[in-house]
Amino acid sequence: MNFIGYRTVKTVIGSVVAMFLAMHFGLLYATAAGIIAILSLQSTKKQSLRFAGKMIGAFLLALLIGVGLFKFLGYNPLIFGLFLLLFIPLSVKLKVQEGIIVSAVLITQLLVEKTIAFSFILNQLSLVSIGVSIALLLNLYMPSFENKIKHEQQQIEETIKKILVDMSISLRAQVVSIKEEELFTLLTARLKRGREMASKSFDNNFSAKNTYYQNYMDVRLQQLRCLQNMRKHFERLWITYKQTTMIADFTRQSAFLIQKDGMAEKLVEDLSQLRQSFTTMELPQDREEFENRVMLYQFLNDLEEFLLLEKVLASYTKQ
């Protein structure tokens, strides 16, 4: 039974309860309440609330148009076609298109019954109210993503550490690690998954003002771009100089210190001193050395941007 998830269970319960309630109150077309409940059960609390609002808005619009057309032009398929011709573009214009299908089905029931009596309109409104209410009630429970996000954070930070260590080795040896592509692919996938979970976690908590996890993933995505740029630079290095070794050592040091409290700021200061020390060194002796040194400086600039973003992350954790 592991293939049956909590959302499937909620969908079954919601549709059955909605239909039973509609039947209990003696509503016509009671099964429609179950379908409305299914459609209103979205992935997060906020999505469900937004969908419910749009569903109700679309249905009220449909009633306004449908009742007017049926009253003055009669009940036949051509009038229903005219209804759709007006209703669909207006729904899109008002951004309530999510409710088009359900509203159209409920309006066809007016056509079938050939009535716009208040009692039947109340019947249709009750179907919508029951379906939406049951879905919102069931969506009060949503599983917490926090533990999963924290685990993803740990894996992301460990992968970043491995990438930086591999880069330091590559700078020294002038050989690209065979695991490099695998690590970048893994980091990209983890960040994408982490960002999705962070968004869902935020959308499931109406009172949450702290967007830490979303901010965390966004900053890590920016750091990924820094790492990708660094990767491009050292791939164009082909000779090891003293500066190369110094930057390799600093890159390795950064890999082990960035996630420790207060170290990001210190690393930025150390990088500034490292760059300053290069100004006192002997100038490049030939074009080849000059081009290599330019690549090293670009690599260092991207590493500095990476560390500055690490400082931004540290400020989020203090909030």
Protein backbone atom coordinates (compact mmCIF):
# COMPACT_ATOMS: atom_id res chain seq x y z
CA MET A 1 0.00 0.00 0.00
CA ASN A 2 3.05 2.29 -0.03
CA PHE A 3 2.03 3.56 -3.47
CA ILE A 4 -1.05 5.19 -1.94
CA GLY A 5 0.03 8.61 -0.68
CA TYR A 6 -1.60 10.89 1.87
CA ARG A 7 -2.98 13.13 -0.90
CA THR A 8 -4.71 10.17 -2.53
CA VAL A 9 -6.29 9.24 0.79
CA LYS A 10 -7.43 12.84 1.32
CA THR A 11 -8.90 12.93 -2.18
CA VAL A 12 -10.92 9.76 -1.57
CA ILE A 13 -12.14 10.95 1.83
CA GLY A 14 -12.95 14.44 0.55
CA SER A 15 -14.98 13.30 -2.44
CA VAL A 16 -16.94 10.69 -0.46
CA VAL A 17 -17.70 13.02 2.47
CA ALA A 18 -18.74 15.84 0.13
CA MET A 19 -21.13 13.55 -1.76
CA PHE A 20 -22.61 12.15 1.47
CA LEU A 21 -23.17 15.66 2.82
CA ALA A 22 -24.82 16.81 -0.40
CA MET A 23 -27.07 13.74 -0.34
CA HIS A 24 -27.85 14.30 3.35
CA PHE A 25 -29.11 17.81 2.56
CA GLY A 26 -31.15 16.44 -0.33
CA LEU A 27 -29.25 18.30 -3.04
CA LEU A 28 -29.70 17.42 -6.68
CA TYR A 29 -26.61 16.25 -8.59
CA ALA A 30 -24.92 15.48 -5.25
CA THR A 31 -21.99 13.75 -6.97
CA ALA A 32 -20.85 17.15 -8.30
CA ALA A 33 -19.87 18.11 -4.74
CA GLY A 34 -17.40 15.21 -4.71
CA ILE A 35 -15.83 16.31 -7.99
CA ILE A 36 -15.50 19.89 -6.72
CA ALA A 37 -13.78 18.58 -3.56
CA ILE A 38 -11.29 16.60 -5.69
CA LEU A 39 -10.43 19.63 -7.81
CA SER A 40 -10.09 21.89 -4.76
CA LEU A 41 -7.51 19.64 -3.07
CA GLN A 42 -4.27 21.30 -4.19
CA SER A 43 -0.64 20.64 -3.22
CA THR A 44 -0.48 23.31 -0.51
CA LYS A 45 -2.84 25.20 1.79
CA LYS A 46 -2.35 28.50 0.00
CA GLN A 47 -2.88 26.92 -3.41
CA SER A 48 -6.12 25.33 -2.19
CA LEU A 49 -7.34 28.65 -0.80
CA ARG A 50 -6.51 30.48 -4.04
CA PHE A 51 -8.18 27.75 -6.11
CA ALA A 52 -11.31 27.85 -3.92
CA GLY A 53 -11.57 31.62 -4.33
CA LYS A 54 -11.25 31.35 -8.10
CA MET A 55 -13.73 28.48 -8.24
CA ILE A 56 -16.38 30.46 -6.37
CA GLY A 57 -15.64 33.61 -8.38
CA ALA A 58 -15.95 31.73 -11.68
CA PHE A 59 -19.23 30.12 -10.62
CA LEU A 60 -20.79 33.43 -9.58
CA LEU A 61 -19.78 34.86 -12.94
CA ALA A 62 -21.24 31.81 -14.70
CA LEU A 63 -24.52 32.21 -12.81
CA LEU A 64 -24.77 35.86 -13.73
CA ILE A 65 -24.29 35.16 -17.45
CA GLY A 66 -26.19 31.84 -17.57
CA VAL A 67 -29.29 33.01 -15.70
CA GLY A 68 -29.54 36.13 -17.86
CA LEU A 69 -29.23 34.18 -21.13
CA PHE A 70 -31.62 31.39 -20.15
CA LYS A 71 -34.19 33.86 -18.84
CA PHE A 72 -34.36 35.96 -21.98
CA LEU A 73 -33.32 33.53 -24.74
CA GLY A 74 -34.54 30.15 -23.52
CA TYR A 75 -32.99 26.74 -22.83
CA ASN A 76 -31.21 25.07 -25.74
CA PRO A 77 -27.67 24.04 -26.73
CA LEU A 78 -27.16 27.14 -28.89
CA ILE A 79 -27.77 29.39 -25.89
CA PHE A 80 -25.31 27.31 -23.89
CA GLY A 81 -22.78 27.85 -26.69
CA LEU A 82 -23.39 31.60 -26.43
CA PHE A 83 -22.91 31.29 -22.67
CA LEU A 84 -19.47 29.70 -23.20
CA LEU A 85 -18.58 32.35 -25.78
CA LEU A 86 -19.07 35.01 -23.12
CA PHE A 87 -18.05 33.11 -20.01
CA ILE A 88 -14.68 31.67 -21.05
CA PRO A 89 -12.95 34.92 -22.18
CA LEU A 90 -14.39 36.82 -19.20
CA SER A 91 -13.07 34.16 -16.81
CA VAL A 92 -9.63 34.41 -18.36
CA LYS A 93 -9.78 38.21 -18.20
CA LEU A 94 -10.73 38.08 -14.51
CA LYS A 95 -8.10 35.36 -13.87
CA VAL A 96 -10.59 32.80 -12.53
CA GLN A 97 -10.17 30.33 -15.40
CA GLU A 98 -9.49 27.48 -12.95
CA GLY A 99 -13.24 27.35 -12.32
CA ILE A 100 -14.34 27.22 -15.97
CA ILE A 101 -14.94 23.46 -16.22
CA VAL A 102 -16.86 23.02 -12.97
CA SER A 103 -18.91 26.16 -13.56
CA ALA A 104 -19.80 25.05 -17.08
CA VAL A 105 -20.93 21.65 -15.79
CA LEU A 106 -23.09 23.25 -13.10
CA ILE A 107 -24.65 25.59 -15.65
CA THR A 108 -25.49 22.64 -17.93
CA GLN A 109 -27.59 21.34 -15.04
CA LEU A 110 -29.66 24.53 -15.23
CA LEU A 111 -30.07 23.76 -18.92
CA VAL A 112 -31.10 20.14 -18.26
CA GLU A 113 -33.59 21.13 -15.56
CA LYS A 114 -34.78 24.08 -17.65
CA THR A 115 -35.02 26.28 -14.57
CA ILE A 116 -33.41 29.31 -13.01
CA ALA A 117 -35.54 29.12 -9.89
CA PHE A 118 -33.90 30.44 -6.75
CA SER A 119 -34.18 27.02 -5.06
CA PHE A 120 -32.16 25.35 -7.83
CA ILE A 121 -29.58 28.14 -7.92
CA LEU A 122 -29.23 27.68 -4.15
CA ASN A 123 -28.78 23.94 -4.83
CA GLN A 124 -25.84 24.67 -7.14
CA LEU A 125 -24.29 27.16 -4.73
CA SER A 126 -24.57 24.56 -1.97
CA LEU A 127 -22.74 21.97 -4.10
CA VAL A 128 -19.86 24.38 -4.63
CA SER A 129 -19.79 25.40 -0.95
CA ILE A 130 -19.73 21.80 0.30
CA GLY A 131 -17.02 20.65 -2.12
CA VAL A 132 -14.76 23.62 -1.46
CA SER A 133 -15.29 23.56 2.32
CA ILE A 134 -14.47 19.86 2.65
CA ALA A 135 -11.29 20.31 0.59
CA LEU A 136 -10.13 23.28 2.68
CA LEU A 137 -10.89 21.40 5.90
CA LEU A 138 -8.86 18.37 4.81
CA ASN A 139 -5.99 20.59 3.70
CA LEU A 140 -5.59 21.93 7.23
CA TYR A 141 -3.25 18.96 7.58
CA MET A 142 -0.14 19.05 5.45
CA PRO A 143 3.05 17.07 6.12
CA SER A 144 6.02 19.13 7.30
CA PHE A 145 8.89 19.49 4.85
CA GLU A 146 11.27 21.02 7.41
CA ASN A 147 13.20 17.85 8.28
CA LYS A 148 13.56 16.99 4.59
CA ILE A 149 14.74 20.51 3.79
CA LYS A 150 17.32 20.40 6.60
CA HIS A 151 18.61 17.08 5.27
CA GLU A 152 18.81 18.58 1.78
CA GLN A 153 20.73 21.55 3.20
CA GLN A 154 23.33 19.22 4.71
CA GLN A 155 23.73 17.38 1.43
CA ILE A 156 24.00 20.63 -0.54
CA GLU A 157 26.70 21.97 1.76
CA GLU A 158 28.63 18.71 1.61
CA THR A 159 28.47 18.71 -2.19
CA ILE A 160 29.71 22.33 -2.35
CA LYS A 161 32.58 21.37 -0.07
CA LYS A 162 33.54 18.48 -2.37
CA ILE A 163 33.42 20.75 -5.43
CA LEU A 164 35.73 23.32 -3.84
CA VAL A 165 38.17 20.62 -2.69
CA ASP A 166 38.19 19.13 -6.20
CA MET A 167 38.83 22.58 -7.65
CA SER A 168 41.80 23.12 -5.35
CA ILE A 169 43.25 19.77 -6.47
CA SER A 170 42.63 20.60 -10.13
CA LEU A 171 44.39 23.95 -9.76
CA ARG A 172 47.47 22.24 -8.38
CA ALA A 173 47.54 19.23 -10.67
CA GLN A 174 46.15 20.89 -13.81
CA VAL A 175 43.88 17.85 -14.16
CA VAL A 176 40.09 18.07 -13.99
CA SER A 177 38.51 15.63 -11.54
CA ILE A 178 36.56 12.77 -13.13
CA LYS A 179 33.83 13.40 -10.53
CA GLU A 180 33.45 17.07 -11.44
CA GLU A 181 30.47 16.73 -13.81
CA GLU A 182 28.76 14.31 -11.44
CA LEU A 183 29.13 16.74 -8.51
CA PHE A 184 27.74 19.70 -10.45
CA THR A 185 24.80 17.63 -11.72
CA LEU A 186 24.11 16.41 -8.18
CA LEU A 187 24.27 19.94 -6.73
CA THR A 188 21.92 21.31 -9.40
CA ALA A 189 19.37 18.55 -8.73
CA ARG A 190 19.55 19.00 -4.95
CA LEU A 191 19.07 22.77 -5.21
CA LYS A 192 16.07 22.38 -7.51
CA ARG A 193 14.50 19.84 -5.17
CA GLY A 194 15.30 21.95 -2.11
CA ARG A 195 13.77 25.08 -3.65
CA GLU A 196 10.56 23.22 -4.46
CA MET A 197 10.28 21.88 -0.90
CA ALA A 198 11.00 25.33 0.57
CA SER A 199 8.20 26.87 -1.51
CA LYS A 200 5.74 24.16 -0.47
CA SER A 201 6.71 24.54 3.18
CA PHE A 202 6.09 28.29 3.03
CA ASP A 203 2.76 27.84 1.23
CA ASN A 204 1.58 25.43 3.89
CA ASN A 205 1.97 27.91 6.73
CA PHE A 206 -0.30 30.96 6.66
CA SER A 207 1.40 32.56 9.67
CA ALA A 208 4.99 32.06 8.49
CA LYS A 209 6.83 35.32 7.90
CA ASN A 210 10.29 33.80 7.85
CA THR A 211 11.29 32.91 4.30
CA TYR A 212 14.67 31.56 5.41
CA TYR A 213 14.55 28.28 3.49
CA GLN A 214 13.49 29.97 0.26
CA ASN A 215 16.22 32.60 0.67
CA TYR A 216 18.75 29.90 1.51
CA MET A 217 18.04 27.97 -1.70
CA ASP A 218 18.03 31.15 -3.81
CA VAL A 219 21.46 32.17 -2.50
CA ARG A 220 22.81 28.66 -3.04
CA LEU A 221 21.56 28.82 -6.64
CA GLN A 222 23.51 32.07 -7.10
CA GLN A 223 26.56 30.36 -5.61
CA LEU A 224 26.11 27.52 -8.08
CA ARG A 225 26.52 30.05 -10.89
CA CYS A 226 29.71 31.30 -9.22
CA LEU A 227 31.07 27.77 -9.04
CA GLN A 228 30.20 27.19 -12.70
CA ASN A 229 32.14 30.33 -13.66
CA MET A 230 35.10 29.26 -11.52
CA ARG A 231 35.04 25.90 -13.25
CA LYS A 232 35.26 27.56 -16.67
CA HIS A 233 38.25 29.66 -15.60
CA PHE A 234 40.44 26.89 -14.21
CA GLU A 235 39.72 24.68 -17.22
CA ARG A 236 41.70 27.25 -19.25
CA LEU A 237 44.74 27.12 -16.96
CA TRP A 238 47.55 24.94 -18.18
CA ILE A 239 50.63 25.96 -16.17
CA THR A 240 51.06 26.07 -12.39
CA TYR A 241 52.57 29.23 -10.94
CA LYS A 242 53.11 30.34 -7.37
CA GLN A 243 49.85 32.29 -7.49
CA THR A 244 48.04 29.15 -8.66
CA THR A 245 49.25 27.22 -5.63
CA MET A 246 48.27 30.05 -3.27
CA ILE A 247 44.75 30.23 -4.73
CA ALA A 248 44.45 26.44 -4.61
CA ASP A 249 45.36 26.49 -0.91
CA PHE A 250 42.85 29.26 -0.23
CA THR A 251 40.11 27.41 -2.16
CA ARG A 252 40.70 24.29 -0.07
CA GLN A 253 40.68 26.34 3.13
CA SER A 254 37.38 27.92 2.08
CA ALA A 255 35.84 24.49 1.47
CA PHE A 256 36.35 23.50 5.12
CA LEU A 257 35.59 26.85 6.76
CA ILE A 258 32.69 28.50 4.90
CA GLN A 259 29.92 26.84 6.90
CA LYS A 260 31.42 27.65 10.30
CA ASP A 261 29.95 30.60 12.19
CA GLY A 262 31.64 33.90 11.43
CA MET A 263 34.15 32.39 9.00
CA ALA A 264 32.61 33.73 5.79
CA GLU A 265 33.50 37.30 6.76
CA LYS A 266 37.02 36.28 7.74
CA LEU A 267 37.51 34.42 4.46
CA VAL A 268 36.47 37.52 2.49
CA GLU A 269 39.09 39.53 4.43
CA ASP A 270 41.72 36.82 3.82
CA LEU A 271 40.92 36.84 0.10
CA SER A 272 41.39 40.60 -0.01
CA GLN A 273 44.80 40.21 1.61
CA LEU A 274 45.67 37.42 -0.83
CA ARG A 275 44.81 39.64 -3.78
CA GLN A 276 46.87 42.46 -2.25
CA SER A 277 49.88 40.16 -1.90
CA PHE A 278 49.80 39.47 -5.65
CA THR A 279 50.47 43.15 -6.36
CA THR A 280 53.90 42.86 -4.74
CA MET A 281 54.90 39.81 -6.79
CA GLU A 282 56.98 39.78 -9.93
CA LEU A 283 55.12 40.70 -13.12
CA PRO A 284 54.37 38.01 -15.76
CA GLN A 285 57.42 37.16 -17.86
CA ASP A 286 55.61 36.31 -21.09
CA ARG A 287 52.18 36.32 -22.74
CA GLU A 288 51.46 32.77 -21.66
CA GLU A 289 52.02 33.57 -17.99
CA PHE A 290 50.01 36.79 -18.35
CA GLU A 291 46.99 34.93 -19.76
CA ASN A 292 47.20 32.35 -16.99
CA ARG A 293 47.36 35.04 -14.36
CA VAL A 294 44.28 36.76 -15.83
CA MET A 295 42.36 33.48 -15.55
CA LEU A 296 43.50 33.11 -11.95
CA TYR A 297 42.29 36.59 -11.05
CA GLN A 298 38.93 35.92 -12.68
CA PHE A 299 38.69 32.68 -10.73
CA LEU A 300 39.50 34.61 -7.56
CA ASN A 301 36.85 37.24 -8.34
CA ASP A 302 34.19 34.55 -8.69
CA LEU A 303 35.36 32.92 -5.47
CA GLU A 304 35.04 36.29 -3.74
CA GLU A 305 31.46 36.65 -5.01
CA PHE A 306 30.77 33.13 -3.71
CA LEU A 307 32.08 34.09 -0.25
CA LEU A 308 30.13 37.35 -0.20
CA LEU A 309 26.99 35.33 -0.84
CA GLU A 310 28.01 33.10 2.06
CA LYS A 311 27.98 36.23 4.24
CA VAL A 312 24.44 36.92 3.03
CA LEU A 313 23.45 33.41 4.10
CA ALA A 314 24.96 33.99 7.53
CA SER A 315 22.84 37.12 7.93
CA TYR A 316 19.68 35.12 7.17
CA THR A 317 20.40 32.62 9.92
CA LYS A 318 20.64 35.46 12.45
CA GLN A 319 17.10 36.69 11.72
